[in-house]
Amino acid sequence: MQTNRTTLASIAQALEISVSTVSKALSDSPEIGVQTKKRVLEYAKANNYTPNSFASSFRKGTTSTIGLIIPNILNPFYAKVLVGVETYLDDNGYKLITSISNDLIEKETKNISVMSSGFVDGLIICISKEAEQKKKYQHIKTLLDNGTSIVMFDRICDELECDKVITDDFQAAFDATEFLIKNRGCKHIVITSKMNNLHHLNLRQKGFEAAIEKHKSIVKCTVITDERSKGLKQKLKELLKKDTSVDGVFGLNEKSVLHAILLTNKLQKEDSNISIAGFCNEMQLKYDASLIVINQNAKEIGKEAAKLLLERIKSKDKTSFRTKTIAVNL
């Protein structure tokens, strides 16, 4: 049977004192006598009183809570960012509320609306794929215009003025491609990715192309793209079967890398030696120990995003924004 929650009002009614007296007694205020404090504390304990942290926060004008909105939780990258954010906030006395947009503007807007209705002091956001592809950011701009502190990470929008945490996608892709050429001796590298017009993926492709251009006298490349994962996988499969000169694959995202690993393992012959590099997590090494993993240091991204946000919340300067670039490594 459900019982009524013990509140300040119910304690006050039971002890025939004011709500203000109960509140002060529970806060150990010197304004309240020892005997009254004892009565209030004993009654509260006997009736399993739990303070309403949100109500207290509203009275203080701060919640000591941060909101985090990520595209999904199945991607290990976002899961590690979450760990980085939560660890830093916990160390600094803040709580975290997390929600998932599923890469949809409608869900992202709803999550933002709920969180910004007095439940959090600020937001950390990775923009949904749909918002970036359609270039629809009004739901975020409205918050910024209202003075809400926001930090973007990974997928960002240059048009929105706020703090941001990114990785150098161009340089990371350039370095990984050069590693394939110099250290693995690759002469024909395939770059593979879904066609989704995301800014950070475009930067990665440009980094790859710059490395190919630098070494164009000794290496060539083939570009494979498709809007669907199934189509991308099929195109890569057909190329690997047809062209035996391919000795390297560069994946712009985790799915692209995984497709490459599964296909090369299945099609592998004694005389074939295809090296794979890309943006993925170290868990993929169990499928291919020779994989060149571009480590985006997701936990560090989360930590820096949380740090920037707390500094922004406490800062009186609401006009000068920073972009923090996190180093990546192979």
C-alpha atoms as a PDB file:
ATOM      1  CA  MET A   1       0.000   0.000   0.000  1.00  0.00           C
ATOM      2  CA  GLN A   2       1.389   3.408  -0.977  1.00  0.00           C
ATOM      3  CA  THR A   3       1.910   5.840   1.904  1.00  0.00           C
ATOM      4  CA  ASN A   4       1.992   9.631   1.740  1.00  0.00           C
ATOM      5  CA  ARG A   5       5.435  11.218   1.536  1.00  0.00           C
ATOM      6  CA  THR A   6       6.556  13.036   4.668  1.00  0.00           C
ATOM      7  CA  THR A   7       6.967  16.751   3.927  1.00  0.00           C
ATOM      8  CA  LEU A   8       7.864  19.894   5.836  1.00  0.00           C
ATOM      9  CA  ALA A   9       4.174  20.712   5.994  1.00  0.00           C
ATOM     10  CA  SER A  10       3.157  17.312   7.386  1.00  0.00           C
ATOM     11  CA  ILE A  11       5.869  17.507  10.050  1.00  0.00           C
ATOM     12  CA  ALA A  12       4.760  21.010  10.992  1.00  0.00           C
ATOM     13  CA  GLN A  13       1.122  19.891  11.259  1.00  0.00           C
ATOM     14  CA  ALA A  14       1.980  16.854  13.382  1.00  0.00           C
ATOM     15  CA  LEU A  15       4.151  18.854  15.804  1.00  0.00           C
ATOM     16  CA  GLU A  16       1.874  21.935  15.736  1.00  0.00           C
ATOM     17  CA  ILE A  17       4.644  24.328  14.720  1.00  0.00           C
ATOM     18  CA  SER A  18       5.262  26.403  11.585  1.00  0.00           C
ATOM     19  CA  VAL A  19       6.802  25.106   8.358  1.00  0.00           C
ATOM     20  CA  SER A  20       9.505  27.746   8.735  1.00  0.00           C
ATOM     21  CA  THR A  21      10.420  26.394  12.174  1.00  0.00           C
ATOM     22  CA  VAL A  22      10.643  22.847  10.811  1.00  0.00           C
ATOM     23  CA  SER A  23      12.866  23.992   7.947  1.00  0.00           C
ATOM     24  CA  LYS A  24      15.192  25.897  10.272  1.00  0.00           C
ATOM     25  CA  ALA A  25      15.339  23.015  12.732  1.00  0.00           C
ATOM     26  CA  LEU A  26      16.337  20.558  10.014  1.00  0.00           C
ATOM     27  CA  SER A  27      19.001  23.055   8.866  1.00  0.00           C
ATOM     28  CA  ASP A  28      20.335  23.307  12.451  1.00  0.00           C
ATOM     29  CA  SER A  29      19.591  27.018  12.594  1.00  0.00           C
ATOM     30  CA  PRO A  30      20.698  28.768  15.818  1.00  0.00           C
ATOM     31  CA  GLU A  31      17.289  30.510  15.839  1.00  0.00           C
ATOM     32  CA  ILE A  32      15.623  27.257  16.965  1.00  0.00           C
ATOM     33  CA  GLY A  33      15.898  25.871  20.477  1.00  0.00           C
ATOM     34  CA  VAL A  34      17.558  22.533  21.281  1.00  0.00           C
ATOM     35  CA  GLN A  35      14.353  20.800  22.394  1.00  0.00           C
ATOM     36  CA  THR A  36      12.422  21.857  19.278  1.00  0.00           C
ATOM     37  CA  LYS A  37      15.279  20.664  17.030  1.00  0.00           C
ATOM     38  CA  LYS A  38      15.280  17.335  18.829  1.00  0.00           C
ATOM     39  CA  ARG A  39      11.503  16.887  18.390  1.00  0.00           C
ATOM     40  CA  VAL A  40      11.675  17.743  14.668  1.00  0.00           C
ATOM     41  CA  LEU A  41      14.686  15.503  13.957  1.00  0.00           C
ATOM     42  CA  GLU A  42      13.211  12.533  15.852  1.00  0.00           C
ATOM     43  CA  TYR A  43       9.884  12.865  14.048  1.00  0.00           C
ATOM     44  CA  ALA A  44      11.581  13.277  10.649  1.00  0.00           C
ATOM     45  CA  LYS A  45      13.712  10.177  11.214  1.00  0.00           C
ATOM     46  CA  ALA A  46      10.812   8.074  12.471  1.00  0.00           C
ATOM     47  CA  ASN A  47       8.753   8.989   9.401  1.00  0.00           C
ATOM     48  CA  ASN A  48      11.544   8.566   6.829  1.00  0.00           C
ATOM     49  CA  TYR A  49      11.621  12.217   5.833  1.00  0.00           C
ATOM     50  CA  THR A  50      13.697  12.874   2.683  1.00  0.00           C
ATOM     51  CA  PRO A  51      14.535  16.483   1.772  1.00  0.00           C
ATOM     52  CA  ASN A  52      13.144  17.711  -1.540  1.00  0.00           C
ATOM     53  CA  SER A  53      16.403  18.749  -3.215  1.00  0.00           C
ATOM     54  CA  PHE A  54      14.660  20.394  -6.163  1.00  0.00           C
ATOM     55  CA  ALA A  55      12.460  22.527  -3.943  1.00  0.00           C
ATOM     56  CA  SER A  56      15.515  23.572  -1.969  1.00  0.00           C
ATOM     57  CA  SER A  57      17.356  24.360  -5.189  1.00  0.00           C
ATOM     58  CA  PHE A  58      14.524  26.538  -6.467  1.00  0.00           C
ATOM     59  CA  ARG A  59      14.629  28.554  -3.240  1.00  0.00           C
ATOM     60  CA  LYS A  60      18.390  29.019  -3.583  1.00  0.00           C
ATOM     61  CA  GLY A  61      18.181  29.851  -7.292  1.00  0.00           C
ATOM     62  CA  THR A  62      20.550  27.036  -8.263  1.00  0.00           C
ATOM     63  CA  THR A  63      20.135  23.277  -8.687  1.00  0.00           C
ATOM     64  CA  SER A  64      23.787  22.140  -8.633  1.00  0.00           C
ATOM     65  CA  THR A  65      22.666  19.854 -11.468  1.00  0.00           C
ATOM     66  CA  ILE A  66      23.914  19.698 -15.053  1.00  0.00           C
ATOM     67  CA  GLY A  67      22.074  18.276 -18.069  1.00  0.00           C
ATOM     68  CA  LEU A  68      23.800  16.121 -20.683  1.00  0.00           C
ATOM     69  CA  ILE A  69      22.147  15.373 -24.046  1.00  0.00           C
ATOM     70  CA  ILE A  70      23.811  12.765 -26.275  1.00  0.00           C
ATOM     71  CA  PRO A  71      22.711  11.140 -29.562  1.00  0.00           C
ATOM     72  CA  ASN A  72      22.769   7.598 -28.167  1.00  0.00           C
ATOM     73  CA  ILE A  73      24.274   5.490 -25.401  1.00  0.00           C
ATOM     74  CA  LEU A  74      25.175   2.416 -27.466  1.00  0.00           C
ATOM     75  CA  ASN A  75      28.149   4.150 -29.074  1.00  0.00           C
ATOM     76  CA  PRO A  76      31.119   3.611 -26.696  1.00  0.00           C
ATOM     77  CA  PHE A  77      32.372   7.131 -27.494  1.00  0.00           C
ATOM     78  CA  TYR A  78      29.306   8.792 -25.953  1.00  0.00           C
ATOM     79  CA  ALA A  79      29.313   6.368 -23.032  1.00  0.00           C
ATOM     80  CA  LYS A  80      32.895   7.379 -22.207  1.00  0.00           C
ATOM     81  CA  VAL A  81      32.068  11.073 -22.562  1.00  0.00           C
ATOM     82  CA  LEU A  82      29.262  10.520 -20.036  1.00  0.00           C
ATOM     83  CA  VAL A  83      31.729   8.913 -17.599  1.00  0.00           C
ATOM     84  CA  GLY A  84      34.108  11.857 -17.997  1.00  0.00           C
ATOM     85  CA  VAL A  85      31.327  14.388 -17.398  1.00  0.00           C
ATOM     86  CA  GLU A  86      29.868  12.590 -14.392  1.00  0.00           C
ATOM     87  CA  THR A  87      33.243  12.016 -12.721  1.00  0.00           C
ATOM     88  CA  TYR A  88      34.197  15.679 -12.939  1.00  0.00           C
ATOM     89  CA  LEU A  89      30.796  16.902 -11.763  1.00  0.00           C
ATOM     90  CA  ASP A  90      30.765  14.442  -8.856  1.00  0.00           C
ATOM     91  CA  ASP A  91      34.210  15.647  -7.766  1.00  0.00           C
ATOM     92  CA  ASN A  92      32.872  19.212  -7.784  1.00  0.00           C
ATOM     93  CA  GLY A  93      29.608  18.640  -5.939  1.00  0.00           C
ATOM     94  CA  TYR A  94      27.273  18.606  -8.951  1.00  0.00           C
ATOM     95  CA  LYS A  95      24.682  16.057 -10.046  1.00  0.00           C
ATOM     96  CA  LEU A  96      24.006  14.938 -13.617  1.00  0.00           C
ATOM     97  CA  ILE A  97      20.815  14.320 -15.584  1.00  0.00           C
ATOM     98  CA  THR A  98      21.323  12.544 -18.910  1.00  0.00           C
ATOM     99  CA  SER A  99      18.947  12.178 -21.842  1.00  0.00           C
ATOM    100  CA  ILE A 100      19.214  10.720 -25.345  1.00  0.00           C
ATOM    101  CA  SER A 101      18.101  12.470 -28.537  1.00  0.00           C
ATOM    102  CA  ASN A 102      18.259   9.421 -30.840  1.00  0.00           C
ATOM    103  CA  ASP A 103      19.654  11.933 -33.360  1.00  0.00           C
ATOM    104  CA  LEU A 104      16.190  13.506 -33.797  1.00  0.00           C
ATOM    105  CA  ILE A 105      15.436  17.239 -33.552  1.00  0.00           C
ATOM    106  CA  GLU A 106      12.016  16.691 -31.962  1.00  0.00           C
ATOM    107  CA  LYS A 107      13.358  14.542 -29.150  1.00  0.00           C
ATOM    108  CA  GLU A 108      16.356  16.804 -28.666  1.00  0.00           C
ATOM    109  CA  THR A 109      14.080  19.852 -28.415  1.00  0.00           C
ATOM    110  CA  LYS A 110      11.814  18.090 -25.911  1.00  0.00           C
ATOM    111  CA  ASN A 111      14.761  17.028 -23.741  1.00  0.00           C
ATOM    112  CA  ILE A 112      16.191  20.537 -23.791  1.00  0.00           C
ATOM    113  CA  SER A 113      12.812  22.044 -22.907  1.00  0.00           C
ATOM    114  CA  VAL A 114      12.327  19.764 -19.902  1.00  0.00           C
ATOM    115  CA  MET A 115      15.852  20.188 -18.578  1.00  0.00           C
ATOM    116  CA  SER A 116      15.917  23.962 -19.000  1.00  0.00           C
ATOM    117  CA  SER A 117      12.679  24.406 -17.034  1.00  0.00           C
ATOM    118  CA  GLY A 118      14.548  25.010 -13.813  1.00  0.00           C
ATOM    119  CA  PHE A 119      15.968  21.504 -13.407  1.00  0.00           C
ATOM    120  CA  VAL A 120      19.577  22.232 -14.410  1.00  0.00           C
ATOM    121  CA  ASP A 121      22.068  25.082 -14.151  1.00  0.00           C
ATOM    122  CA  GLY A 122      23.514  24.412 -17.592  1.00  0.00           C
ATOM    123  CA  LEU A 123      23.653  21.962 -20.494  1.00  0.00           C
ATOM    124  CA  ILE A 124      26.287  19.887 -22.289  1.00  0.00           C
ATOM    125  CA  ILE A 125      25.104  18.898 -25.771  1.00  0.00           C
ATOM    126  CA  CYS A 126      26.235  16.870 -28.748  1.00  0.00           C
ATOM    127  CA  ILE A 127      23.946  18.136 -31.510  1.00  0.00           C
ATOM    128  CA  SER A 128      21.661  15.553 -33.107  1.00  0.00           C
ATOM    129  CA  LYS A 129      22.477  14.341 -36.604  1.00  0.00           C
ATOM    130  CA  GLU A 130      19.132  15.597 -37.915  1.00  0.00           C
ATOM    131  CA  ALA A 131      19.710  19.108 -36.544  1.00  0.00           C
ATOM    132  CA  GLU A 132      23.144  19.318 -38.149  1.00  0.00           C
ATOM    133  CA  GLN A 133      22.034  17.910 -41.493  1.00  0.00           C
ATOM    134  CA  LYS A 134      19.037  20.276 -41.680  1.00  0.00           C
ATOM    135  CA  LYS A 135      20.983  23.127 -40.069  1.00  0.00           C
ATOM    136  CA  LYS A 136      18.164  23.718 -37.597  1.00  0.00           C
ATOM    137  CA  TYR A 137      19.503  25.117 -34.346  1.00  0.00           C
ATOM    138  CA  GLN A 138      16.770  27.500 -33.196  1.00  0.00           C
ATOM    139  CA  HIS A 139      15.900  25.318 -30.188  1.00  0.00           C
ATOM    140  CA  ILE A 140      19.468  25.733 -28.934  1.00  0.00           C
ATOM    141  CA  LYS A 141      19.810  29.393 -29.951  1.00  0.00           C
ATOM    142  CA  THR A 142      16.702  30.257 -27.937  1.00  0.00           C
ATOM    143  CA  LEU A 143      18.328  28.902 -24.789  1.00  0.00           C
ATOM    144  CA  LEU A 144      21.540  30.820 -25.441  1.00  0.00           C
ATOM    145  CA  ASP A 145      19.551  34.017 -26.018  1.00  0.00           C
ATOM    146  CA  ASN A 146      17.851  33.418 -22.665  1.00  0.00           C
ATOM    147  CA  GLY A 147      21.217  33.236 -20.921  1.00  0.00           C
ATOM    148  CA  THR A 148      21.442  29.457 -20.428  1.00  0.00           C
ATOM    149  CA  SER A 149      25.026  28.221 -20.137  1.00  0.00           C
ATOM    150  CA  ILE A 150      25.748  25.612 -22.818  1.00  0.00           C
ATOM    151  CA  VAL A 151      28.805  23.639 -23.875  1.00  0.00           C
ATOM    152  CA  MET A 152      28.797  21.724 -27.168  1.00  0.00           C
ATOM    153  CA  PHE A 153      31.084  18.795 -27.895  1.00  0.00           C
ATOM    154  CA  ASP A 154      31.989  16.612 -30.890  1.00  0.00           C
ATOM    155  CA  ARG A 155      29.267  17.870 -33.255  1.00  0.00           C
ATOM    156  CA  ILE A 156      29.192  21.625 -32.981  1.00  0.00           C
ATOM    157  CA  CYS A 157      27.737  24.616 -34.801  1.00  0.00           C
ATOM    158  CA  ASP A 158      30.062  27.536 -35.551  1.00  0.00           C
ATOM    159  CA  GLU A 159      27.060  29.877 -35.804  1.00  0.00           C
ATOM    160  CA  LEU A 160      26.118  29.389 -32.152  1.00  0.00           C
ATOM    161  CA  GLU A 161      28.133  31.398 -29.638  1.00  0.00           C
ATOM    162  CA  CYS A 162      28.958  29.180 -26.689  1.00  0.00           C
ATOM    163  CA  ASP A 163      31.841  27.157 -25.270  1.00  0.00           C
ATOM    164  CA  LYS A 164      32.846  24.056 -27.253  1.00  0.00           C
ATOM    165  CA  VAL A 165      35.021  20.973 -26.907  1.00  0.00           C
ATOM    166  CA  ILE A 166      36.331  19.345 -30.072  1.00  0.00           C
ATOM    167  CA  THR A 167      39.060  17.099 -31.389  1.00  0.00           C
ATOM    168  CA  ASP A 168      41.287  17.985 -34.335  1.00  0.00           C
ATOM    169  CA  ASP A 169      39.529  15.646 -36.770  1.00  0.00           C
ATOM    170  CA  PHE A 170      41.532  16.900 -39.759  1.00  0.00           C
ATOM    171  CA  GLN A 171      44.932  16.303 -38.153  1.00  0.00           C
ATOM    172  CA  ALA A 172      43.910  12.955 -36.652  1.00  0.00           C
ATOM    173  CA  ALA A 173      42.799  11.658 -40.054  1.00  0.00           C
ATOM    174  CA  PHE A 174      45.949  13.034 -41.705  1.00  0.00           C
ATOM    175  CA  ASP A 175      48.224  11.330 -39.144  1.00  0.00           C
ATOM    176  CA  ALA A 176      46.401   7.986 -39.373  1.00  0.00           C
ATOM    177  CA  THR A 177      46.560   8.010 -43.177  1.00  0.00           C
ATOM    178  CA  GLU A 178      50.272   8.817 -43.089  1.00  0.00           C
ATOM    179  CA  PHE A 179      50.756   5.936 -40.665  1.00  0.00           C
ATOM    180  CA  LEU A 180      49.129   3.576 -43.174  1.00  0.00           C
ATOM    181  CA  ILE A 181      51.456   4.863 -45.891  1.00  0.00           C
ATOM    182  CA  LYS A 182      54.732   5.138 -43.963  1.00  0.00           C
ATOM    183  CA  ASN A 183      54.459   2.369 -41.371  1.00  0.00           C
ATOM    184  CA  ARG A 184      52.254  -0.167 -43.135  1.00  0.00           C
ATOM    185  CA  GLY A 185      53.512   0.518 -46.663  1.00  0.00           C
ATOM    186  CA  CYS A 186      50.022   0.948 -48.136  1.00  0.00           C
ATOM    187  CA  LYS A 187      49.838   1.881 -51.852  1.00  0.00           C
ATOM    188  CA  HIS A 188      46.071   1.761 -52.458  1.00  0.00           C
ATOM    189  CA  ILE A 189      43.839   2.963 -49.611  1.00  0.00           C
ATOM    190  CA  VAL A 190      40.040   2.923 -49.607  1.00  0.00           C
ATOM    191  CA  ILE A 191      38.230   5.574 -47.569  1.00  0.00           C
ATOM    192  CA  THR A 192      34.743   4.528 -46.501  1.00  0.00           C
ATOM    193  CA  SER A 193      31.875   6.374 -44.819  1.00  0.00           C
ATOM    194  CA  LYS A 194      28.140   6.923 -44.948  1.00  0.00           C
ATOM    195  CA  MET A 195      26.973  10.023 -46.829  1.00  0.00           C
ATOM    196  CA  ASN A 196      25.525  12.149 -44.040  1.00  0.00           C
ATOM    197  CA  ASN A 197      27.038  15.618 -44.513  1.00  0.00           C
ATOM    198  CA  LEU A 198      28.295  15.976 -40.934  1.00  0.00           C
ATOM    199  CA  HIS A 199      30.918  18.637 -40.307  1.00  0.00           C
ATOM    200  CA  HIS A 200      33.346  16.489 -38.304  1.00  0.00           C
ATOM    201  CA  LEU A 201      33.218  13.668 -40.891  1.00  0.00           C
ATOM    202  CA  ASN A 202      33.956  16.178 -43.646  1.00  0.00           C
ATOM    203  CA  LEU A 203      37.013  17.364 -41.726  1.00  0.00           C
ATOM    204  CA  ARG A 204      38.196  13.772 -41.374  1.00  0.00           C
ATOM    205  CA  GLN A 205      37.835  13.182 -45.102  1.00  0.00           C
ATOM    206  CA  LYS A 206      39.778  16.366 -45.862  1.00  0.00           C
ATOM    207  CA  GLY A 207      42.562  15.207 -43.529  1.00  0.00           C
ATOM    208  CA  PHE A 208      42.700  11.877 -45.361  1.00  0.00           C
ATOM    209  CA  GLU A 209      42.764  13.580 -48.757  1.00  0.00           C
ATOM    210  CA  ALA A 210      45.553  15.936 -47.659  1.00  0.00           C
ATOM    211  CA  ALA A 211      47.738  12.982 -46.662  1.00  0.00           C
ATOM    212  CA  ILE A 212      47.017  11.224 -49.968  1.00  0.00           C
ATOM    213  CA  GLU A 213      47.894  14.414 -51.866  1.00  0.00           C
ATOM    214  CA  LYS A 214      51.185  14.715 -49.979  1.00  0.00           C
ATOM    215  CA  HIS A 215      52.153  11.161 -50.956  1.00  0.00           C
ATOM    216  CA  LYS A 216      50.404  11.006 -54.339  1.00  0.00           C
ATOM    217  CA  SER A 217      53.562   9.824 -56.077  1.00  0.00           C
ATOM    218  CA  ILE A 218      53.460   6.509 -54.211  1.00  0.00           C
ATOM    219  CA  VAL A 219      49.822   5.970 -53.184  1.00  0.00           C
ATOM    220  CA  LYS A 220      46.341   6.166 -54.676  1.00  0.00           C
ATOM    221  CA  CYS A 221      42.906   6.124 -53.076  1.00  0.00           C
ATOM    222  CA  THR A 222      39.348   5.017 -53.768  1.00  0.00           C
ATOM    223  CA  VAL A 223      36.346   6.676 -52.118  1.00  0.00           C
ATOM    224  CA  ILE A 224      33.306   4.592 -51.158  1.00  0.00           C
ATOM    225  CA  THR A 225      30.191   6.282 -49.783  1.00  0.00           C
ATOM    226  CA  ASP A 226      26.535   5.368 -49.425  1.00  0.00           C
ATOM    227  CA  GLU A 227      23.566   6.681 -47.498  1.00  0.00           C
ATOM    228  CA  ARG A 228      22.802   3.224 -46.084  1.00  0.00           C
ATOM    229  CA  SER A 229      25.056   0.987 -43.979  1.00  0.00           C
ATOM    230  CA  LYS A 230      23.967  -2.035 -46.027  1.00  0.00           C
ATOM    231  CA  GLY A 231      24.850  -0.289 -49.289  1.00  0.00           C
ATOM    232  CA  LEU A 232      28.203   0.868 -47.924  1.00  0.00           C
ATOM    233  CA  LYS A 233      29.096  -2.636 -46.830  1.00  0.00           C
ATOM    234  CA  GLN A 234      28.079  -4.115 -50.195  1.00  0.00           C
ATOM    235  CA  LYS A 235      30.160  -1.605 -52.178  1.00  0.00           C
ATOM    236  CA  LEU A 236      33.227  -2.274 -50.043  1.00  0.00           C
ATOM    237  CA  LYS A 237      32.730  -6.018 -50.383  1.00  0.00           C
ATOM    238  CA  GLU A 238      32.536  -5.803 -54.175  1.00  0.00           C
ATOM    239  CA  LEU A 239      35.648  -3.629 -54.403  1.00  0.00           C
ATOM    240  CA  LEU A 240      37.739  -5.878 -52.165  1.00  0.00           C
ATOM    241  CA  LYS A 241      36.738  -8.909 -54.244  1.00  0.00           C
ATOM    242  CA  LYS A 242      37.455  -7.188 -57.550  1.00  0.00           C
ATOM    243  CA  ASP A 243      40.581  -5.139 -56.812  1.00  0.00           C
ATOM    244  CA  THR A 244      43.376  -7.110 -55.167  1.00  0.00           C
ATOM    245  CA  SER A 245      45.640  -4.047 -55.106  1.00  0.00           C
ATOM    246  CA  VAL A 246      43.743  -2.605 -52.123  1.00  0.00           C
ATOM    247  CA  ASP A 247      46.039  -2.855 -49.093  1.00  0.00           C
ATOM    248  CA  GLY A 248      44.502  -0.281 -46.764  1.00  0.00           C
ATOM    249  CA  VAL A 249      41.080   0.880 -45.544  1.00  0.00           C
ATOM    250  CA  PHE A 250      40.372   4.095 -43.667  1.00  0.00           C
ATOM    251  CA  GLY A 251      37.022   4.353 -41.839  1.00  0.00           C
ATOM    252  CA  LEU A 252      35.633   7.764 -40.921  1.00  0.00           C
ATOM    253  CA  ASN A 253      33.434   6.366 -38.158  1.00  0.00           C
ATOM    254  CA  GLU A 254      32.930   3.259 -36.052  1.00  0.00           C
ATOM    255  CA  LYS A 255      30.499   1.477 -38.377  1.00  0.00           C
ATOM    256  CA  SER A 256      32.776   1.995 -41.359  1.00  0.00           C
ATOM    257  CA  VAL A 257      35.683   0.473 -39.454  1.00  0.00           C
ATOM    258  CA  LEU A 258      33.620  -2.479 -38.254  1.00  0.00           C
ATOM    259  CA  HIS A 259      32.367  -3.213 -41.797  1.00  0.00           C
ATOM    260  CA  ALA A 260      35.960  -3.198 -43.017  1.00  0.00           C
ATOM    261  CA  ILE A 261      37.137  -5.571 -40.282  1.00  0.00           C
ATOM    262  CA  LEU A 262      34.332  -8.083 -40.850  1.00  0.00           C
ATOM    263  CA  LEU A 263      34.785  -8.049 -44.635  1.00  0.00           C
ATOM    264  CA  THR A 264      38.558  -8.326 -44.645  1.00  0.00           C
ATOM    265  CA  ASN A 265      38.395 -11.191 -42.131  1.00  0.00           C
ATOM    266  CA  LYS A 266      35.858 -13.012 -44.316  1.00  0.00           C
ATOM    267  CA  LEU A 267      37.632 -12.368 -47.611  1.00  0.00           C
ATOM    268  CA  GLN A 268      41.140 -12.769 -46.301  1.00  0.00           C
ATOM    269  CA  LYS A 269      43.483 -14.901 -48.368  1.00  0.00           C
ATOM    270  CA  GLU A 270      46.984 -16.082 -47.635  1.00  0.00           C
ATOM    271  CA  ASP A 271      48.484 -13.468 -49.935  1.00  0.00           C
ATOM    272  CA  SER A 272      46.243 -10.615 -48.793  1.00  0.00           C
ATOM    273  CA  ASN A 273      47.345  -8.102 -46.188  1.00  0.00           C
ATOM    274  CA  ILE A 274      44.916  -5.221 -45.726  1.00  0.00           C
ATOM    275  CA  SER A 275      45.615  -2.704 -42.977  1.00  0.00           C
ATOM    276  CA  ILE A 276      42.691  -0.860 -41.387  1.00  0.00           C
ATOM    277  CA  ALA A 277      42.669   2.483 -39.576  1.00  0.00           C
ATOM    278  CA  GLY A 278      39.876   4.712 -38.369  1.00  0.00           C
ATOM    279  CA  PHE A 279      37.827   6.463 -35.727  1.00  0.00           C
ATOM    280  CA  CYS A 280      36.620   3.711 -33.405  1.00  0.00           C
ATOM    281  CA  ASN A 281      37.224   2.362 -29.921  1.00  0.00           C
ATOM    282  CA  GLU A 282      39.847  -0.068 -28.701  1.00  0.00           C
ATOM    283  CA  MET A 283      37.198  -2.800 -28.264  1.00  0.00           C
ATOM    284  CA  GLN A 284      37.464  -3.404 -32.020  1.00  0.00           C
ATOM    285  CA  LEU A 285      41.003  -4.671 -31.473  1.00  0.00           C
ATOM    286  CA  LYS A 286      39.567  -8.039 -30.451  1.00  0.00           C
ATOM    287  CA  TYR A 287      38.376  -8.452 -34.047  1.00  0.00           C
ATOM    288  CA  ASP A 288      41.644  -7.234 -35.591  1.00  0.00           C
ATOM    289  CA  ALA A 289      44.746  -6.895 -33.409  1.00  0.00           C
ATOM    290  CA  SER A 290      46.550  -4.930 -36.153  1.00  0.00           C
ATOM    291  CA  LEU A 291      43.844  -2.252 -36.297  1.00  0.00           C
ATOM    292  CA  ILE A 292      45.071   1.349 -36.088  1.00  0.00           C
ATOM    293  CA  VAL A 293      42.676   2.996 -33.617  1.00  0.00           C
ATOM    294  CA  ILE A 294      42.324   6.774 -33.503  1.00  0.00           C
ATOM    295  CA  ASN A 295      41.696   7.332 -29.808  1.00  0.00           C
ATOM    296  CA  GLN A 296      39.542  10.450 -29.377  1.00  0.00           C
ATOM    297  CA  ASN A 297      40.067  10.475 -25.597  1.00  0.00           C
ATOM    298  CA  ALA A 298      36.324  10.607 -24.945  1.00  0.00           C
ATOM    299  CA  LYS A 299      36.626  10.737 -21.145  1.00  0.00           C
ATOM    300  CA  GLU A 300      38.876  13.775 -21.458  1.00  0.00           C
ATOM    301  CA  ILE A 301      36.299  15.403 -23.750  1.00  0.00           C
ATOM    302  CA  GLY A 302      33.626  14.825 -21.096  1.00  0.00           C
ATOM    303  CA  LYS A 303      35.844  16.161 -18.328  1.00  0.00           C
ATOM    304  CA  GLU A 304      36.752  19.328 -20.253  1.00  0.00           C
ATOM    305  CA  ALA A 305      33.127  19.934 -21.259  1.00  0.00           C
ATOM    306  CA  ALA A 306      32.037  19.729 -17.619  1.00  0.00           C
ATOM    307  CA  LYS A 307      34.922  21.929 -16.513  1.00  0.00           C
ATOM    308  CA  LEU A 308      34.126  24.591 -19.132  1.00  0.00           C
ATOM    309  CA  LEU A 309      30.457  24.584 -18.163  1.00  0.00           C
ATOM    310  CA  LEU A 310      31.068  25.035 -14.429  1.00  0.00           C
ATOM    311  CA  GLU A 311      33.516  27.844 -15.164  1.00  0.00           C
ATOM    312  CA  ARG A 312      30.935  29.470 -17.436  1.00  0.00           C
ATOM    313  CA  ILE A 313      28.170  29.183 -14.808  1.00  0.00           C
ATOM    314  CA  LYS A 314      30.374  30.851 -12.185  1.00  0.00           C
ATOM    315  CA  SER A 315      31.772  33.479 -14.563  1.00  0.00           C
ATOM    316  CA  LYS A 316      30.425  37.020 -14.825  1.00  0.00           C
ATOM    317  CA  ASP A 317      31.701  37.243 -18.412  1.00  0.00           C
ATOM    318  CA  LYS A 318      28.871  36.098 -20.673  1.00  0.00           C
ATOM    319  CA  THR A 319      30.387  37.170 -24.000  1.00  0.00           C
ATOM    320  CA  SER A 320      33.861  35.623 -24.413  1.00  0.00           C
ATOM    321  CA  PHE A 321      33.577  31.940 -25.309  1.00  0.00           C
ATOM    322  CA  ARG A 322      36.268  29.282 -25.595  1.00  0.00           C
ATOM    323  CA  THR A 323      36.828  26.272 -27.818  1.00  0.00           C
ATOM    324  CA  LYS A 324      38.947  23.543 -26.257  1.00  0.00           C
ATOM    325  CA  THR A 325      40.689  21.116 -28.629  1.00  0.00           C
ATOM    326  CA  ILE A 326      41.442  17.682 -27.167  1.00  0.00           C
ATOM    327  CA  ALA A 327      44.515  15.883 -28.504  1.00  0.00           C
ATOM    328  CA  VAL A 328      43.993  12.475 -30.095  1.00  0.00           C
ATOM    329  CA  ASN A 329      46.487   9.657 -30.468  1.00  0.00           C
ATOM    330  CA  LEU A 330      46.940   6.462 -32.471  1.00  0.00           C
END
